[in-house]
């Protein structure tokens, strides 16, 4: 009896200034229980010691390594996919860590669900020292299984999978033309594009990766996030919920950055029409006003208490 050949999985790690983390990321790929893995590693113009770390690891482990000037993640991923051999593609952060059963679990799931274009999962958050962070800082560790179609993902009806857990069908990637080189926030775009093409996004209710929280995380760059998420949403502006989706996102980011980036917060506020104000808008206004009034209150010379209360 003929036994089907297990699918080859291509893991792509694009590194940019992650010298402190990339070795752990790569070794977690080699620690997988699933044996049929092709690893492609690219250094995208790092300015730290990442190239030296990667060259030493490549000499030891033998993976495919390419060093290049900075080209951006979306372009780098497209070029790596074009030369990859796997039927399943895993774009993986050079600062994240895979749990040992991650690839095997997702391959098995996709084998029985041909309608699924992306298989994702939960992740637990770790800090710069690889310590698991407290429960209050865990955003996607204990969520149950969920299946998302395009409306679910675009309208934010259900929580999606953590970016550190995405496994993509090559056929789905090819169908949508890969990543958009003009959009730097690659995971949001490709998730929506594949769902828009009619595939499901299935998120397993198990932890399969560790997502690293550190000062240079992309999601902590508010202006980058706002610009690229709105640019991504604009690719689907024909959807009847497009305006509301953008409005909801602006309100959420306004509230998030009212205390962190006043300039960005005020720009977001100006982009929200009065009819689009909601509870988040009002809470953000309170934060902005409180910060302004606190700064403006006069203080006694040489002291810290105000002249009047």
C-alpha atoms as a PDB file:
ATOM      1  CA  UNK A   1       0.000   0.000   0.000  1.00  0.00           C
ATOM      2  CA  UNK A   2       1.380   3.375  -1.028  1.00  0.00           C
ATOM      3  CA  UNK A   3       1.965   5.813   1.812  1.00  0.00           C
ATOM      4  CA  UNK A   4       1.493   9.465   0.832  1.00  0.00           C
ATOM      5  CA  UNK A   5       4.617  11.608   1.143  1.00  0.00           C
ATOM      6  CA  UNK A   6       4.226  14.102   3.997  1.00  0.00           C
ATOM      7  CA  UNK A   7       4.134  17.694   2.729  1.00  0.00           C
ATOM      8  CA  UNK A   8       7.283  19.766   2.802  1.00  0.00           C
ATOM      9  CA  UNK A   9       6.967  22.835   5.013  1.00  0.00           C
ATOM     10  CA  UNK A  10       9.048  25.899   4.192  1.00  0.00           C
ATOM     11  CA  UNK A  11       9.850  28.094   7.184  1.00  0.00           C
ATOM     12  CA  UNK A  12      11.027  31.595   6.269  1.00  0.00           C
ATOM     13  CA  UNK A  13      12.809  33.692   8.872  1.00  0.00           C
ATOM     14  CA  UNK A  14      13.615  37.242   7.811  1.00  0.00           C
ATOM     15  CA  UNK A  15      15.869  38.857  10.398  1.00  0.00           C
ATOM     16  CA  UNK A  16      16.309  42.564  11.008  1.00  0.00           C
ATOM     17  CA  UNK A  17      18.328  43.679  14.050  1.00  0.00           C
ATOM     18  CA  UNK A  18      17.399  40.648  16.165  1.00  0.00           C
ATOM     19  CA  UNK A  19      20.870  39.421  17.055  1.00  0.00           C
ATOM     20  CA  UNK A  20      19.750  38.802  20.643  1.00  0.00           C
ATOM     21  CA  UNK A  21      16.845  36.556  19.651  1.00  0.00           C
ATOM     22  CA  UNK A  22      17.386  34.966  16.245  1.00  0.00           C
ATOM     23  CA  UNK A  23      19.412  31.969  17.442  1.00  0.00           C
ATOM     24  CA  UNK A  24      16.602  30.848  19.726  1.00  0.00           C
ATOM     25  CA  UNK A  25      14.134  31.293  16.887  1.00  0.00           C
ATOM     26  CA  UNK A  26      16.180  29.156  14.483  1.00  0.00           C
ATOM     27  CA  UNK A  27      16.906  26.442  17.020  1.00  0.00           C
ATOM     28  CA  UNK A  28      13.196  26.149  17.760  1.00  0.00           C
ATOM     29  CA  UNK A  29      12.679  25.217  14.100  1.00  0.00           C
ATOM     30  CA  UNK A  30      15.318  22.485  14.364  1.00  0.00           C
ATOM     31  CA  UNK A  31      13.632  21.212  17.534  1.00  0.00           C
ATOM     32  CA  UNK A  32      10.368  20.446  15.696  1.00  0.00           C
ATOM     33  CA  UNK A  33       8.986  16.904  15.866  1.00  0.00           C
ATOM     34  CA  UNK A  34       7.970  17.186  12.190  1.00  0.00           C
ATOM     35  CA  UNK A  35      10.973  16.243  10.021  1.00  0.00           C
ATOM     36  CA  UNK A  36      10.046  17.560   6.561  1.00  0.00           C
ATOM     37  CA  UNK A  37      11.099  21.194   6.887  1.00  0.00           C
ATOM     38  CA  UNK A  38      13.010  23.526   4.587  1.00  0.00           C
ATOM     39  CA  UNK A  39      14.434  26.558   6.417  1.00  0.00           C
ATOM     40  CA  UNK A  40      15.231  29.747   4.514  1.00  0.00           C
ATOM     41  CA  UNK A  41      16.856  32.560   6.518  1.00  0.00           C
ATOM     42  CA  UNK A  42      17.410  36.077   5.212  1.00  0.00           C
ATOM     43  CA  UNK A  43      19.130  38.955   6.940  1.00  0.00           C
ATOM     44  CA  UNK A  44      17.427  42.086   5.640  1.00  0.00           C
ATOM     45  CA  UNK A  45      20.192  44.604   6.121  1.00  0.00           C
ATOM     46  CA  UNK A  46      20.596  44.376   9.902  1.00  0.00           C
ATOM     47  CA  UNK A  47      22.775  47.019  11.528  1.00  0.00           C
ATOM     48  CA  UNK A  48      23.555  44.943  14.614  1.00  0.00           C
ATOM     49  CA  UNK A  49      25.545  41.696  14.805  1.00  0.00           C
ATOM     50  CA  UNK A  50      22.768  39.569  13.270  1.00  0.00           C
ATOM     51  CA  UNK A  51      24.778  38.688  10.109  1.00  0.00           C
ATOM     52  CA  UNK A  52      27.657  37.304  12.187  1.00  0.00           C
ATOM     53  CA  UNK A  53      25.279  35.331  14.414  1.00  0.00           C
ATOM     54  CA  UNK A  54      23.511  33.895  11.365  1.00  0.00           C
ATOM     55  CA  UNK A  55      26.708  32.957   9.549  1.00  0.00           C
ATOM     56  CA  UNK A  56      27.944  31.053  12.602  1.00  0.00           C
ATOM     57  CA  UNK A  57      24.608  29.225  12.909  1.00  0.00           C
ATOM     58  CA  UNK A  58      24.537  28.446   9.196  1.00  0.00           C
ATOM     59  CA  UNK A  59      27.998  26.897   9.397  1.00  0.00           C
ATOM     60  CA  UNK A  60      26.748  24.673  12.227  1.00  0.00           C
ATOM     61  CA  UNK A  61      23.262  23.781  10.991  1.00  0.00           C
ATOM     62  CA  UNK A  62      23.441  24.128   7.214  1.00  0.00           C
ATOM     63  CA  UNK A  63      20.250  26.065   6.465  1.00  0.00           C
ATOM     64  CA  UNK A  64      19.852  28.316   3.417  1.00  0.00           C
ATOM     65  CA  UNK A  65      21.139  31.791   4.372  1.00  0.00           C
ATOM     66  CA  UNK A  66      21.139  34.982   2.334  1.00  0.00           C
ATOM     67  CA  UNK A  67      22.388  38.396   3.405  1.00  0.00           C
ATOM     68  CA  UNK A  68      21.002  41.467   1.641  1.00  0.00           C
ATOM     69  CA  UNK A  69      20.619  45.198   1.940  1.00  0.00           C
ATOM     70  CA  UNK A  70      17.346  46.253   3.528  1.00  0.00           C
ATOM     71  CA  UNK A  71      14.417  45.618   1.198  1.00  0.00           C
ATOM     72  CA  UNK A  72      11.492  45.321   3.582  1.00  0.00           C
ATOM     73  CA  UNK A  73       9.670  42.267   4.857  1.00  0.00           C
ATOM     74  CA  UNK A  74       6.957  41.917   2.193  1.00  0.00           C
ATOM     75  CA  UNK A  75       9.427  41.962  -0.710  1.00  0.00           C
ATOM     76  CA  UNK A  76      11.791  39.639   1.161  1.00  0.00           C
ATOM     77  CA  UNK A  77       9.019  37.119   1.854  1.00  0.00           C
ATOM     78  CA  UNK A  78       7.842  37.137  -1.768  1.00  0.00           C
ATOM     79  CA  UNK A  79      11.354  36.451  -3.021  1.00  0.00           C
ATOM     80  CA  UNK A  80      11.857  33.641  -0.519  1.00  0.00           C
ATOM     81  CA  UNK A  81       8.514  32.045  -1.410  1.00  0.00           C
ATOM     82  CA  UNK A  82       9.440  32.165  -5.103  1.00  0.00           C
ATOM     83  CA  UNK A  83      12.496  29.973  -4.485  1.00  0.00           C
ATOM     84  CA  UNK A  84      10.952  27.758  -1.794  1.00  0.00           C
ATOM     85  CA  UNK A  85       9.864  24.165  -2.414  1.00  0.00           C
ATOM     86  CA  UNK A  86       7.256  23.657   0.292  1.00  0.00           C
ATOM     87  CA  UNK A  87       3.520  23.297  -0.259  1.00  0.00           C
ATOM     88  CA  UNK A  88       2.981  24.889   3.154  1.00  0.00           C
ATOM     89  CA  UNK A  89       4.654  28.187   4.059  1.00  0.00           C
ATOM     90  CA  UNK A  90       5.470  29.440   7.553  1.00  0.00           C
ATOM     91  CA  UNK A  91       6.682  33.062   7.764  1.00  0.00           C
ATOM     92  CA  UNK A  92       8.236  33.222  11.211  1.00  0.00           C
ATOM     93  CA  UNK A  93       9.537  36.127  13.276  1.00  0.00           C
ATOM     94  CA  UNK A  94      13.226  36.140  14.094  1.00  0.00           C
ATOM     95  CA  UNK A  95      12.357  37.109  17.667  1.00  0.00           C
ATOM     96  CA  UNK A  96       9.705  34.415  18.296  1.00  0.00           C
ATOM     97  CA  UNK A  97       9.921  30.773  19.357  1.00  0.00           C
ATOM     98  CA  UNK A  98       8.103  27.658  18.093  1.00  0.00           C
ATOM     99  CA  UNK A  99       6.944  24.959  20.474  1.00  0.00           C
ATOM    100  CA  UNK A 100       8.170  21.514  19.439  1.00  0.00           C
ATOM    101  CA  UNK A 101       4.790  20.169  18.205  1.00  0.00           C
ATOM    102  CA  UNK A 102       3.835  23.312  16.312  1.00  0.00           C
ATOM    103  CA  UNK A 103       4.535  22.239  12.701  1.00  0.00           C
ATOM    104  CA  UNK A 104       3.274  18.666  13.158  1.00  0.00           C
ATOM    105  CA  UNK A 105       0.003  19.864  14.694  1.00  0.00           C
ATOM    106  CA  UNK A 106      -0.757  22.331  11.915  1.00  0.00           C
ATOM    107  CA  UNK A 107       0.245  19.999   9.085  1.00  0.00           C
ATOM    108  CA  UNK A 108      -2.081  17.322  10.416  1.00  0.00           C
ATOM    109  CA  UNK A 109      -4.939  19.806  10.682  1.00  0.00           C
ATOM    110  CA  UNK A 110      -4.498  21.156   7.153  1.00  0.00           C
ATOM    111  CA  UNK A 111      -4.331  17.638   5.712  1.00  0.00           C
ATOM    112  CA  UNK A 112      -7.972  17.143   6.738  1.00  0.00           C
ATOM    113  CA  UNK A 113      -9.237  20.662   5.986  1.00  0.00           C
ATOM    114  CA  UNK A 114      -8.586  21.555   2.342  1.00  0.00           C
ATOM    115  CA  UNK A 115     -10.962  24.536   2.602  1.00  0.00           C
ATOM    116  CA  UNK A 116      -8.592  26.221   5.071  1.00  0.00           C
ATOM    117  CA  UNK A 117      -6.067  28.637   3.597  1.00  0.00           C
ATOM    118  CA  UNK A 118      -4.413  29.634   6.860  1.00  0.00           C
ATOM    119  CA  UNK A 119      -3.974  27.577  10.001  1.00  0.00           C
ATOM    120  CA  UNK A 120      -3.005  29.593  13.065  1.00  0.00           C
ATOM    121  CA  UNK A 121      -3.094  29.046  16.813  1.00  0.00           C
ATOM    122  CA  UNK A 122      -2.718  30.701  20.184  1.00  0.00           C
ATOM    123  CA  UNK A 123       0.606  31.960  21.507  1.00  0.00           C
ATOM    124  CA  UNK A 124       1.952  32.880  24.889  1.00  0.00           C
ATOM    125  CA  UNK A 125       3.914  36.054  25.439  1.00  0.00           C
ATOM    126  CA  UNK A 126       7.511  35.973  26.646  1.00  0.00           C
ATOM    127  CA  UNK A 127       9.822  38.826  27.586  1.00  0.00           C
ATOM    128  CA  UNK A 128      13.289  39.772  26.396  1.00  0.00           C
ATOM    129  CA  UNK A 129      14.819  37.116  28.678  1.00  0.00           C
ATOM    130  CA  UNK A 130      12.468  34.388  27.352  1.00  0.00           C
ATOM    131  CA  UNK A 131      10.473  34.318  30.567  1.00  0.00           C
ATOM    132  CA  UNK A 132       6.725  33.726  30.241  1.00  0.00           C
ATOM    133  CA  UNK A 133       4.982  36.968  31.141  1.00  0.00           C
ATOM    134  CA  UNK A 134       2.247  37.233  33.805  1.00  0.00           C
ATOM    135  CA  UNK A 135      -1.358  36.317  32.981  1.00  0.00           C
ATOM    136  CA  UNK A 136      -2.371  39.994  32.709  1.00  0.00           C
ATOM    137  CA  UNK A 137       0.026  40.375  29.759  1.00  0.00           C
ATOM    138  CA  UNK A 138      -1.175  37.284  27.890  1.00  0.00           C
ATOM    139  CA  UNK A 139      -3.367  38.386  24.988  1.00  0.00           C
ATOM    140  CA  UNK A 140      -3.842  35.131  23.056  1.00  0.00           C
ATOM    141  CA  UNK A 141      -3.007  32.172  25.248  1.00  0.00           C
ATOM    142  CA  UNK A 142      -6.313  30.651  26.332  1.00  0.00           C
ATOM    143  CA  UNK A 143      -8.751  31.345  23.481  1.00  0.00           C
ATOM    144  CA  UNK A 144     -10.884  28.482  22.060  1.00  0.00           C
ATOM    145  CA  UNK A 145     -10.885  27.258  18.453  1.00  0.00           C
ATOM    146  CA  UNK A 146     -12.402  29.691  15.981  1.00  0.00           C
ATOM    147  CA  UNK A 147     -13.012  29.690  12.223  1.00  0.00           C
ATOM    148  CA  UNK A 148     -12.978  33.031  10.438  1.00  0.00           C
ATOM    149  CA  UNK A 149     -14.236  33.975   7.011  1.00  0.00           C
ATOM    150  CA  UNK A 150     -13.435  37.337   5.433  1.00  0.00           C
ATOM    151  CA  UNK A 151     -16.235  39.218   7.193  1.00  0.00           C
ATOM    152  CA  UNK A 152     -15.161  37.804  10.558  1.00  0.00           C
ATOM    153  CA  UNK A 153     -11.590  38.961  10.024  1.00  0.00           C
ATOM    154  CA  UNK A 154     -12.331  42.302   8.353  1.00  0.00           C
ATOM    155  CA  UNK A 155     -15.086  43.325  10.769  1.00  0.00           C
ATOM    156  CA  UNK A 156     -13.058  42.036  13.752  1.00  0.00           C
ATOM    157  CA  UNK A 157     -15.884  39.749  14.849  1.00  0.00           C
ATOM    158  CA  UNK A 158     -13.573  37.041  16.161  1.00  0.00           C
ATOM    159  CA  UNK A 159      -9.968  37.125  17.416  1.00  0.00           C
ATOM    160  CA  UNK A 160      -7.520  36.026  14.752  1.00  0.00           C
ATOM    161  CA  UNK A 161      -4.421  33.931  15.210  1.00  0.00           C
ATOM    162  CA  UNK A 162      -1.146  35.269  16.512  1.00  0.00           C
ATOM    163  CA  UNK A 163       1.277  36.256  13.729  1.00  0.00           C
ATOM    164  CA  UNK A 164       3.867  33.893  15.237  1.00  0.00           C
ATOM    165  CA  UNK A 165       1.620  30.903  14.415  1.00  0.00           C
ATOM    166  CA  UNK A 166       0.605  31.407  10.769  1.00  0.00           C
ATOM    167  CA  UNK A 167       0.889  28.468   8.365  1.00  0.00           C
ATOM    168  CA  UNK A 168      -0.208  29.291   4.805  1.00  0.00           C
ATOM    169  CA  UNK A 169      -1.154  27.062   1.900  1.00  0.00           C
ATOM    170  CA  UNK A 170       1.080  27.790  -1.052  1.00  0.00           C
ATOM    171  CA  UNK A 171      -1.925  27.515  -3.366  1.00  0.00           C
ATOM    172  CA  UNK A 172      -3.710  30.253  -1.428  1.00  0.00           C
ATOM    173  CA  UNK A 173      -0.611  32.457  -1.490  1.00  0.00           C
ATOM    174  CA  UNK A 174      -0.212  31.985  -5.231  1.00  0.00           C
ATOM    175  CA  UNK A 175      -3.900  32.709  -5.816  1.00  0.00           C
ATOM    176  CA  UNK A 176      -3.701  36.144  -4.165  1.00  0.00           C
ATOM    177  CA  UNK A 177      -0.318  36.978  -5.678  1.00  0.00           C
ATOM    178  CA  UNK A 178       1.664  36.819  -2.455  1.00  0.00           C
ATOM    179  CA  UNK A 179       2.367  39.765  -0.194  1.00  0.00           C
ATOM    180  CA  UNK A 180       1.751  43.349  -1.273  1.00  0.00           C
ATOM    181  CA  UNK A 181       5.180  45.059  -1.547  1.00  0.00           C
ATOM    182  CA  UNK A 182       3.553  48.425  -0.798  1.00  0.00           C
ATOM    183  CA  UNK A 183       2.247  47.279   2.590  1.00  0.00           C
ATOM    184  CA  UNK A 184       4.868  46.828   5.279  1.00  0.00           C
ATOM    185  CA  UNK A 185       2.530  45.182   7.821  1.00  0.00           C
ATOM    186  CA  UNK A 186       2.547  41.868   6.013  1.00  0.00           C
ATOM    187  CA  UNK A 187       0.548  39.565   8.304  1.00  0.00           C
ATOM    188  CA  UNK A 188      -2.633  41.667   8.413  1.00  0.00           C
ATOM    189  CA  UNK A 189      -2.688  42.037   4.634  1.00  0.00           C
ATOM    190  CA  UNK A 190      -2.047  38.401   3.742  1.00  0.00           C
ATOM    191  CA  UNK A 191      -4.616  37.152   6.248  1.00  0.00           C
ATOM    192  CA  UNK A 192      -7.335  39.381   4.798  1.00  0.00           C
ATOM    193  CA  UNK A 193      -6.310  38.702   1.199  1.00  0.00           C
ATOM    194  CA  UNK A 194      -6.489  34.930   1.592  1.00  0.00           C
ATOM    195  CA  UNK A 195      -9.809  35.122   3.446  1.00  0.00           C
ATOM    196  CA  UNK A 196     -11.154  37.475   0.747  1.00  0.00           C
ATOM    197  CA  UNK A 197     -10.267  34.836  -1.840  1.00  0.00           C
ATOM    198  CA  UNK A 198     -12.714  32.456  -0.162  1.00  0.00           C
ATOM    199  CA  UNK A 199     -10.469  30.438   2.115  1.00  0.00           C
ATOM    200  CA  UNK A 200     -11.136  29.975   5.814  1.00  0.00           C
ATOM    201  CA  UNK A 201      -8.743  31.016   8.575  1.00  0.00           C
ATOM    202  CA  UNK A 202      -8.806  28.358  11.285  1.00  0.00           C
ATOM    203  CA  UNK A 203      -7.235  29.188  14.628  1.00  0.00           C
ATOM    204  CA  UNK A 204      -6.491  26.195  16.837  1.00  0.00           C
ATOM    205  CA  UNK A 205      -7.273  26.609  20.511  1.00  0.00           C
ATOM    206  CA  UNK A 206      -3.827  25.517  21.637  1.00  0.00           C
ATOM    207  CA  UNK A 207      -0.565  27.356  22.270  1.00  0.00           C
ATOM    208  CA  UNK A 208       1.941  26.554  19.531  1.00  0.00           C
ATOM    209  CA  UNK A 209       4.411  29.445  19.760  1.00  0.00           C
ATOM    210  CA  UNK A 210       5.884  32.056  22.039  1.00  0.00           C
ATOM    211  CA  UNK A 211       5.541  35.667  20.959  1.00  0.00           C
ATOM    212  CA  UNK A 212       8.306  37.899  22.284  1.00  0.00           C
ATOM    213  CA  UNK A 213       7.433  41.261  23.799  1.00  0.00           C
ATOM    214  CA  UNK A 214      10.297  43.765  23.582  1.00  0.00           C
ATOM    215  CA  UNK A 215      10.744  47.506  22.970  1.00  0.00           C
ATOM    216  CA  UNK A 216      11.102  47.179  19.182  1.00  0.00           C
ATOM    217  CA  UNK A 217       7.884  45.228  18.535  1.00  0.00           C
ATOM    218  CA  UNK A 218       6.104  46.493  15.430  1.00  0.00           C
ATOM    219  CA  UNK A 219       2.785  46.940  17.231  1.00  0.00           C
ATOM    220  CA  UNK A 220       4.396  49.488  19.559  1.00  0.00           C
ATOM    221  CA  UNK A 221       5.075  51.849  16.641  1.00  0.00           C
ATOM    222  CA  UNK A 222       1.710  53.609  16.546  1.00  0.00           C
ATOM    223  CA  UNK A 223       2.166  55.633  13.372  1.00  0.00           C
ATOM    224  CA  UNK A 224       3.501  52.625  11.469  1.00  0.00           C
ATOM    225  CA  UNK A 225       0.538  50.531  12.612  1.00  0.00           C
ATOM    226  CA  UNK A 226      -2.074  53.150  11.759  1.00  0.00           C
ATOM    227  CA  UNK A 227      -0.639  53.919   8.322  1.00  0.00           C
ATOM    228  CA  UNK A 228      -0.252  50.307   7.266  1.00  0.00           C
ATOM    229  CA  UNK A 229      -3.495  48.955   8.723  1.00  0.00           C
ATOM    230  CA  UNK A 230      -5.523  51.704   7.043  1.00  0.00           C
ATOM    231  CA  UNK A 231      -3.615  51.121   3.810  1.00  0.00           C
ATOM    232  CA  UNK A 232      -4.481  47.432   4.094  1.00  0.00           C
ATOM    233  CA  UNK A 233      -8.162  48.136   4.744  1.00  0.00           C
ATOM    234  CA  UNK A 234      -8.219  50.368   1.667  1.00  0.00           C
ATOM    235  CA  UNK A 235      -7.477  47.332  -0.482  1.00  0.00           C
ATOM    236  CA  UNK A 236     -10.956  46.110   0.474  1.00  0.00           C
ATOM    237  CA  UNK A 237     -12.819  49.440   0.323  1.00  0.00           C
ATOM    238  CA  UNK A 238     -15.592  47.921  -1.793  1.00  0.00           C
ATOM    239  CA  UNK A 239     -16.798  46.019   1.260  1.00  0.00           C
ATOM    240  CA  UNK A 240     -20.001  47.604   2.659  1.00  0.00           C
ATOM    241  CA  UNK A 241     -18.472  47.747   6.137  1.00  0.00           C
ATOM    242  CA  UNK A 242     -15.277  49.505   5.041  1.00  0.00           C
ATOM    243  CA  UNK A 243     -16.042  52.950   6.495  1.00  0.00           C
ATOM    244  CA  UNK A 244     -17.174  51.494   9.821  1.00  0.00           C
ATOM    245  CA  UNK A 245     -14.093  49.255  10.014  1.00  0.00           C
ATOM    246  CA  UNK A 246     -11.810  52.280   9.546  1.00  0.00           C
ATOM    247  CA  UNK A 247     -13.827  54.282  12.057  1.00  0.00           C
ATOM    248  CA  UNK A 248     -13.650  51.542  14.680  1.00  0.00           C
ATOM    249  CA  UNK A 249      -9.908  51.179  14.159  1.00  0.00           C
ATOM    250  CA  UNK A 250      -9.248  54.913  14.454  1.00  0.00           C
ATOM    251  CA  UNK A 251     -11.243  55.077  17.678  1.00  0.00           C
ATOM    252  CA  UNK A 252      -9.361  52.115  19.135  1.00  0.00           C
ATOM    253  CA  UNK A 253      -5.975  53.568  18.244  1.00  0.00           C
ATOM    254  CA  UNK A 254      -7.029  57.013  19.497  1.00  0.00           C
ATOM    255  CA  UNK A 255      -7.787  55.547  22.903  1.00  0.00           C
ATOM    256  CA  UNK A 256      -4.583  53.507  22.913  1.00  0.00           C
ATOM    257  CA  UNK A 257      -2.308  56.433  22.038  1.00  0.00           C
ATOM    258  CA  UNK A 258      -4.063  59.260  23.901  1.00  0.00           C
ATOM    259  CA  UNK A 259      -1.525  58.774  26.706  1.00  0.00           C
ATOM    260  CA  UNK A 260       1.400  57.592  24.581  1.00  0.00           C
ATOM    261  CA  UNK A 261       1.577  59.812  21.491  1.00  0.00           C
ATOM    262  CA  UNK A 262      -0.446  63.018  21.731  1.00  0.00           C
ATOM    263  CA  UNK A 263       0.411  64.150  18.191  1.00  0.00           C
ATOM    264  CA  UNK A 264      -0.791  60.886  16.665  1.00  0.00           C
ATOM    265  CA  UNK A 265      -3.876  60.884  18.909  1.00  0.00           C
ATOM    266  CA  UNK A 266      -4.899  64.367  17.780  1.00  0.00           C
ATOM    267  CA  UNK A 267      -4.435  63.399  14.127  1.00  0.00           C
ATOM    268  CA  UNK A 268      -6.689  60.408  14.655  1.00  0.00           C
ATOM    269  CA  UNK A 269      -9.276  62.551  16.438  1.00  0.00           C
ATOM    270  CA  UNK A 270      -9.404  64.999  13.525  1.00  0.00           C
ATOM    271  CA  UNK A 271     -10.099  62.082  11.164  1.00  0.00           C
ATOM    272  CA  UNK A 272     -13.125  60.915  13.162  1.00  0.00           C
ATOM    273  CA  UNK A 273     -16.378  62.741  12.283  1.00  0.00           C
ATOM    274  CA  UNK A 274     -18.587  63.779  15.184  1.00  0.00           C
ATOM    275  CA  UNK A 275     -21.189  61.180  14.216  1.00  0.00           C
ATOM    276  CA  UNK A 276     -18.509  58.525  14.612  1.00  0.00           C
ATOM    277  CA  UNK A 277     -17.703  59.352  18.214  1.00  0.00           C
ATOM    278  CA  UNK A 278     -18.306  56.593  20.745  1.00  0.00           C
ATOM    279  CA  UNK A 279     -17.272  55.637  24.257  1.00  0.00           C
ATOM    280  CA  UNK A 280     -13.658  55.150  23.216  1.00  0.00           C
ATOM    281  CA  UNK A 281     -13.564  58.633  21.701  1.00  0.00           C
ATOM    282  CA  UNK A 282     -14.840  60.204  24.910  1.00  0.00           C
ATOM    283  CA  UNK A 283     -12.430  58.252  27.084  1.00  0.00           C
ATOM    284  CA  UNK A 284      -9.556  59.310  24.830  1.00  0.00           C
ATOM    285  CA  UNK A 285     -10.693  62.939  25.045  1.00  0.00           C
ATOM    286  CA  UNK A 286     -10.634  62.623  28.819  1.00  0.00           C
ATOM    287  CA  UNK A 287      -7.070  61.352  28.725  1.00  0.00           C
ATOM    288  CA  UNK A 288      -5.975  64.122  26.361  1.00  0.00           C
ATOM    289  CA  UNK A 289      -7.674  66.830  28.435  1.00  0.00           C
ATOM    290  CA  UNK A 290      -6.361  65.471  31.727  1.00  0.00           C
ATOM    291  CA  UNK A 291      -2.812  65.467  30.377  1.00  0.00           C
ATOM    292  CA  UNK A 292      -3.251  69.017  29.066  1.00  0.00           C
ATOM    293  CA  UNK A 293      -4.743  70.394  32.279  1.00  0.00           C
ATOM    294  CA  UNK A 294      -2.153  68.617  34.408  1.00  0.00           C
ATOM    295  CA  UNK A 295       0.626  70.224  32.378  1.00  0.00           C
ATOM    296  CA  UNK A 296      -0.990  73.659  32.555  1.00  0.00           C
ATOM    297  CA  UNK A 297      -1.565  73.789  36.332  1.00  0.00           C
ATOM    298  CA  UNK A 298       0.796  76.352  37.987  1.00  0.00           C
ATOM    299  CA  UNK A 299       3.148  75.169  40.695  1.00  0.00           C
ATOM    300  CA  UNK A 300       4.793  76.865  43.634  1.00  0.00           C
ATOM    301  CA  UNK A 301       8.377  77.964  42.991  1.00  0.00           C
ATOM    302  CA  UNK A 302      10.663  75.178  44.141  1.00  0.00           C
ATOM    303  CA  UNK A 303       7.734  72.875  45.012  1.00  0.00           C
ATOM    304  CA  UNK A 304       5.408  70.401  43.417  1.00  0.00           C
ATOM    305  CA  UNK A 305       1.990  71.348  44.803  1.00  0.00           C
ATOM    306  CA  UNK A 306      -0.382  73.589  42.798  1.00  0.00           C
ATOM    307  CA  UNK A 307      -1.276  77.095  44.039  1.00  0.00           C
ATOM    308  CA  UNK A 308      -4.978  76.154  44.120  1.00  0.00           C
ATOM    309  CA  UNK A 309      -6.989  72.941  43.975  1.00  0.00           C
END
